[in-house]
Amino acid sequence: MQVKPVNSRPKKQLYLDLGQVDFSCTTCKVCGIMYAKGEEQDEHTHDLYHKQFLQGIRFAGWKGERLLGKAAEGRILAVLPGDHPHHLAKVKEVSEHLEKQLGLCPGWLLSVQVKAFLFVKEKKVLGSVIAEDIKECHRVWLATADGSEGGRPPLQSIALNKTNKGAICGFRVIWVHQSQRRMKVATRLLDAARSHWMPGCVIPHHLCAFSQVTEDGRALAQSYCRTSEFLVYK
């Protein structure tokens, strides 16, 4: 029996040319979702998500809302553990939307007991802070690329102080629809969370910590806490 020699030539990935515009993946600059151009299913999924992103999360309102205040011509509501199932269902919908948009693991946001603070405007949820009880955190320190402190360095220059610090309130995620940014909505949501976390007191900044800090999140944390050495937790 004759054995055919193995073809040692390097292999190439081949594609069928069916009229696709592009085979590469791209990230939409508006909604942030990654999809493959030219792939019909991917483009359909992107179109649906893009429309939902632009519209925001629909919200008709509830009877007996827990109204905390006003912000940017909208209102801030709180949803706590044990609230009406319809209220908790809306928090779940918001969480699933944020997990897709921010690239978080499905179910991660509600894998612990949380309190949700929603910014509602024009019958849509256009901002949210989801927070949890925590006991400890770490202080960050920042350095510029040349090793000096200060400025606004790249995200990878964040380092954690190894010493644990006590904390009470952990901001699990902070989100504001792009149409409402630069309007102090995130600040109002964070203020509402601190002011209504415990009856009769306002949680000070130095007992609050941030999780899943992006570059924009870092800038917000620095501005809100008025220090570059804000607190983070895992």
Protein backbone atom coordinates (compact mmCIF):
# COMPACT_ATOMS: atom_id res chain seq x y z
CA MET A 1 0.00 0.00 0.00
CA GLN A 2 1.50 3.31 -1.04
CA VAL A 3 1.34 6.17 1.48
CA LYS A 4 0.87 9.62 -0.01
CA PRO A 5 3.31 12.24 1.25
CA VAL A 6 1.90 14.83 3.65
CA ASN A 7 1.43 18.23 2.11
CA SER A 8 3.57 20.51 4.24
CA ARG A 9 2.47 23.75 2.58
CA PRO A 10 1.00 26.27 5.06
CA LYS A 11 -2.80 26.25 5.23
CA LYS A 12 -4.91 29.30 4.55
CA GLN A 13 -8.39 30.20 5.76
CA LEU A 14 -10.66 30.44 2.71
CA TYR A 15 -13.95 32.33 2.42
CA LEU A 16 -16.88 32.05 0.09
CA ASP A 17 -17.47 35.32 -1.70
CA LEU A 18 -21.24 35.75 -1.45
CA GLY A 19 -21.25 39.49 -1.78
CA GLN A 20 -20.35 40.38 1.81
CA VAL A 21 -19.18 43.93 2.28
CA ASP A 22 -16.61 43.09 4.94
CA PHE A 23 -15.49 40.01 6.88
CA SER A 24 -13.92 41.84 9.82
CA CYS A 25 -15.57 42.62 13.16
CA THR A 26 -16.21 46.21 14.08
CA THR A 27 -17.47 48.03 17.15
CA CYS A 28 -20.31 50.49 16.72
CA LYS A 29 -19.14 53.90 17.95
CA VAL A 30 -22.66 54.76 19.13
CA CYS A 31 -24.03 51.70 20.92
CA GLY A 32 -20.72 49.94 21.59
CA ILE A 33 -21.72 46.48 20.36
CA MET A 34 -19.23 44.41 18.33
CA TYR A 35 -20.51 42.68 15.19
CA ALA A 36 -19.31 41.28 11.87
CA LYS A 37 -20.03 43.49 8.90
CA GLY A 38 -21.49 41.59 5.97
CA GLU A 39 -22.93 38.85 8.21
CA GLU A 40 -26.71 39.13 7.87
CA GLN A 41 -27.52 37.79 11.36
CA ASP A 42 -24.88 39.95 13.03
CA GLU A 43 -26.06 43.07 11.27
CA HIS A 44 -29.69 42.30 12.16
CA THR A 45 -28.73 41.84 15.83
CA HIS A 46 -26.79 45.10 15.75
CA ASP A 47 -29.71 46.98 14.19
CA LEU A 48 -32.10 45.80 16.90
CA TYR A 49 -29.71 46.57 19.73
CA HIS A 50 -28.77 49.96 18.23
CA LYS A 51 -32.41 51.04 18.08
CA GLN A 52 -32.99 49.90 21.66
CA PHE A 53 -29.86 51.75 22.77
CA LEU A 54 -30.99 55.00 21.17
CA GLN A 55 -34.47 54.69 22.63
CA GLY A 56 -33.38 53.82 26.16
CA ILE A 57 -35.26 51.37 28.35
CA ARG A 58 -38.99 51.97 28.25
CA PHE A 59 -40.63 52.71 31.58
CA ALA A 60 -44.29 53.69 31.97
CA GLY A 61 -44.03 54.35 35.72
CA TRP A 62 -45.46 52.69 38.84
CA LYS A 63 -47.98 53.46 41.49
CA GLY A 64 -46.22 53.97 44.80
CA GLU A 65 -42.82 54.84 43.33
CA ARG A 66 -40.03 55.47 45.82
CA LEU A 67 -39.21 58.96 44.56
CA LEU A 68 -35.90 60.35 45.84
CA GLY A 69 -35.56 63.56 43.88
CA LYS A 70 -35.31 65.34 40.54
CA ALA A 71 -32.42 65.61 38.08
CA ALA A 72 -32.03 67.00 34.54
CA GLU A 73 -35.83 67.31 34.08
CA GLY A 74 -36.26 63.69 35.17
CA ARG A 75 -36.74 61.87 38.45
CA ILE A 76 -34.68 59.44 40.54
CA LEU A 77 -36.30 56.31 41.93
CA ALA A 78 -35.01 53.64 44.29
CA VAL A 79 -35.78 49.93 44.13
CA LEU A 80 -34.81 47.90 47.19
CA PRO A 81 -34.69 44.15 47.92
CA GLY A 82 -38.17 42.92 48.78
CA ASP A 83 -39.97 45.53 46.66
CA HIS A 84 -42.91 44.67 44.40
CA PRO A 85 -42.08 41.96 41.80
CA HIS A 86 -42.87 44.40 38.95
CA HIS A 87 -40.26 46.81 40.31
CA LEU A 88 -37.66 44.06 40.65
CA ALA A 89 -38.46 42.86 37.13
CA LYS A 90 -37.62 46.32 35.76
CA VAL A 91 -34.30 46.26 37.63
CA LYS A 92 -33.58 42.88 36.04
CA GLU A 93 -34.36 44.30 32.59
CA VAL A 94 -32.06 47.27 33.22
CA SER A 95 -29.32 44.96 34.49
CA GLU A 96 -29.50 42.70 31.43
CA HIS A 97 -29.30 45.75 29.18
CA LEU A 98 -26.21 47.05 31.00
CA GLU A 99 -24.49 43.67 30.97
CA LYS A 100 -24.81 43.53 27.18
CA GLN A 101 -23.70 47.12 26.69
CA LEU A 102 -20.77 46.99 29.11
CA GLY A 103 -19.62 43.48 28.24
CA LEU A 104 -20.30 42.03 31.70
CA CYS A 105 -21.02 38.37 32.36
CA PRO A 106 -24.77 37.63 32.10
CA GLY A 107 -26.33 37.62 35.55
CA TRP A 108 -23.30 39.21 37.25
CA LEU A 109 -25.00 42.44 38.33
CA LEU A 110 -27.75 40.68 40.27
CA SER A 111 -25.61 37.80 41.57
CA VAL A 112 -25.58 39.60 44.95
CA GLN A 113 -28.28 41.56 46.79
CA VAL A 114 -28.36 45.09 45.41
CA LYS A 115 -30.16 48.40 45.65
CA ALA A 116 -31.00 50.08 42.35
CA PHE A 117 -31.28 53.81 41.72
CA LEU A 118 -32.91 54.71 38.40
CA PHE A 119 -32.97 57.97 36.49
CA VAL A 120 -36.26 58.19 34.57
CA LYS A 121 -37.10 60.77 31.94
CA GLU A 122 -39.67 60.86 29.15
CA LYS A 123 -40.93 57.39 30.12
CA LYS A 124 -37.48 55.82 29.76
CA VAL A 125 -34.75 54.66 32.13
CA LEU A 126 -31.77 56.73 31.02
CA GLY A 127 -29.41 56.20 33.93
CA SER A 128 -28.76 53.81 36.78
CA VAL A 129 -26.56 53.14 39.78
CA ILE A 130 -26.63 49.59 41.10
CA ALA A 131 -25.01 49.31 44.49
CA GLU A 132 -24.36 46.75 47.23
CA ASP A 133 -23.30 46.51 50.86
CA ILE A 134 -19.55 46.02 51.27
CA LYS A 135 -17.18 45.81 54.24
CA GLU A 136 -13.74 46.49 52.80
CA CYS A 137 -12.01 48.06 49.84
CA HIS A 138 -8.64 49.38 48.67
CA ARG A 139 -7.34 52.85 47.90
CA VAL A 140 -5.89 53.37 44.42
CA TRP A 141 -2.85 55.36 43.48
CA LEU A 142 -2.15 56.63 40.00
CA ALA A 143 1.08 57.29 38.14
CA THR A 144 1.79 58.79 34.74
CA ALA A 145 3.63 56.80 32.09
CA ASP A 146 7.01 58.16 33.25
CA GLY A 147 6.30 57.09 36.83
CA SER A 148 5.40 60.49 38.24
CA GLU A 149 2.12 61.03 40.04
CA GLY A 150 -0.75 63.23 38.89
CA GLY A 151 -2.35 64.04 35.55
CA ARG A 152 -4.76 61.65 33.83
CA PRO A 153 -2.67 58.54 33.11
CA PRO A 154 -3.70 55.50 31.09
CA LEU A 155 -6.01 53.03 32.80
CA GLN A 156 -3.28 50.41 33.18
CA SER A 157 -1.38 52.72 35.54
CA ILE A 158 -3.94 52.18 38.31
CA ALA A 159 -2.48 50.27 41.26
CA LEU A 160 -4.08 49.17 44.53
CA ASN A 161 -2.83 49.83 47.99
CA LYS A 162 -2.57 46.42 49.68
CA THR A 163 -3.96 47.73 52.95
CA ASN A 164 -7.66 47.00 53.39
CA LYS A 165 -9.93 49.88 54.31
CA GLY A 166 -13.41 49.78 55.78
CA ALA A 167 -16.37 50.71 53.59
CA ILE A 168 -20.16 50.57 53.57
CA CYS A 169 -21.49 51.25 50.06
CA GLY A 170 -20.12 49.70 46.86
CA PHE A 171 -21.12 51.11 43.47
CA ARG A 172 -21.34 47.95 41.38
CA VAL A 173 -22.11 49.79 38.14
CA ILE A 174 -22.83 53.37 37.09
CA TRP A 175 -24.47 54.05 33.74
CA VAL A 176 -25.96 57.10 32.04
CA HIS A 177 -27.39 57.11 28.52
CA GLN A 178 -25.19 59.14 26.20
CA SER A 179 -28.00 61.63 25.55
CA GLN A 180 -27.95 62.59 29.25
CA ARG A 181 -24.21 62.79 29.88
CA ARG A 182 -22.51 66.00 31.03
CA MET A 183 -25.73 66.89 32.84
CA LYS A 184 -24.70 65.78 36.37
CA VAL A 185 -27.06 62.76 36.20
CA ALA A 186 -24.39 60.35 37.51
CA THR A 187 -23.59 62.75 40.36
CA ARG A 188 -27.27 63.01 41.32
CA LEU A 189 -27.64 59.22 41.26
CA LEU A 190 -24.58 58.74 43.47
CA ASP A 191 -25.80 61.43 45.85
CA ALA A 192 -29.20 59.72 46.05
CA ALA A 193 -27.57 56.37 46.84
CA ARG A 194 -25.42 57.84 49.63
CA SER A 195 -28.31 59.87 51.08
CA HIS A 196 -30.76 56.96 51.21
CA TRP A 197 -28.47 54.03 51.95
CA MET A 198 -29.18 54.05 55.68
CA PRO A 199 -32.05 55.80 57.50
CA GLY A 200 -31.10 59.12 59.04
CA CYS A 201 -27.60 59.56 57.63
CA VAL A 202 -25.59 60.27 54.50
CA ILE A 203 -22.75 57.86 53.74
CA PRO A 204 -19.54 59.93 53.41
CA HIS A 205 -17.44 59.65 50.28
CA HIS A 206 -14.59 57.91 52.11
CA LEU A 207 -16.89 54.96 52.93
CA CYS A 208 -17.97 54.41 49.30
CA ALA A 209 -16.05 52.40 46.71
CA PHE A 210 -16.26 51.74 42.97
CA SER A 211 -16.15 48.47 41.04
CA GLN A 212 -15.42 47.66 37.36
CA VAL A 213 -13.66 51.00 36.84
CA THR A 214 -13.29 51.98 33.17
CA GLU A 215 -11.35 55.04 32.03
CA ASP A 216 -14.55 57.12 32.07
CA GLY A 217 -15.46 55.59 35.42
CA ARG A 218 -12.09 56.55 36.82
CA ALA A 219 -12.58 60.15 35.72
CA LEU A 220 -16.03 60.19 37.36
CA ALA A 221 -14.69 58.66 40.59
CA GLN A 222 -11.87 61.21 40.79
CA SER A 223 -14.24 64.10 40.16
CA TYR A 224 -16.95 62.86 42.51
CA CYS A 225 -14.61 62.01 45.39
CA ARG A 226 -12.39 65.06 44.73
CA THR A 227 -9.26 62.93 44.88
CA SER A 228 -7.21 60.73 42.58
CA GLU A 229 -6.92 58.19 45.41
CA PHE A 230 -10.52 57.00 45.39
CA LEU A 231 -11.61 53.61 46.73
CA VAL A 232 -12.25 50.44 44.72
CA TYR A 233 -13.39 46.93 45.59
CA LYS A 234 -13.54 43.56 43.88
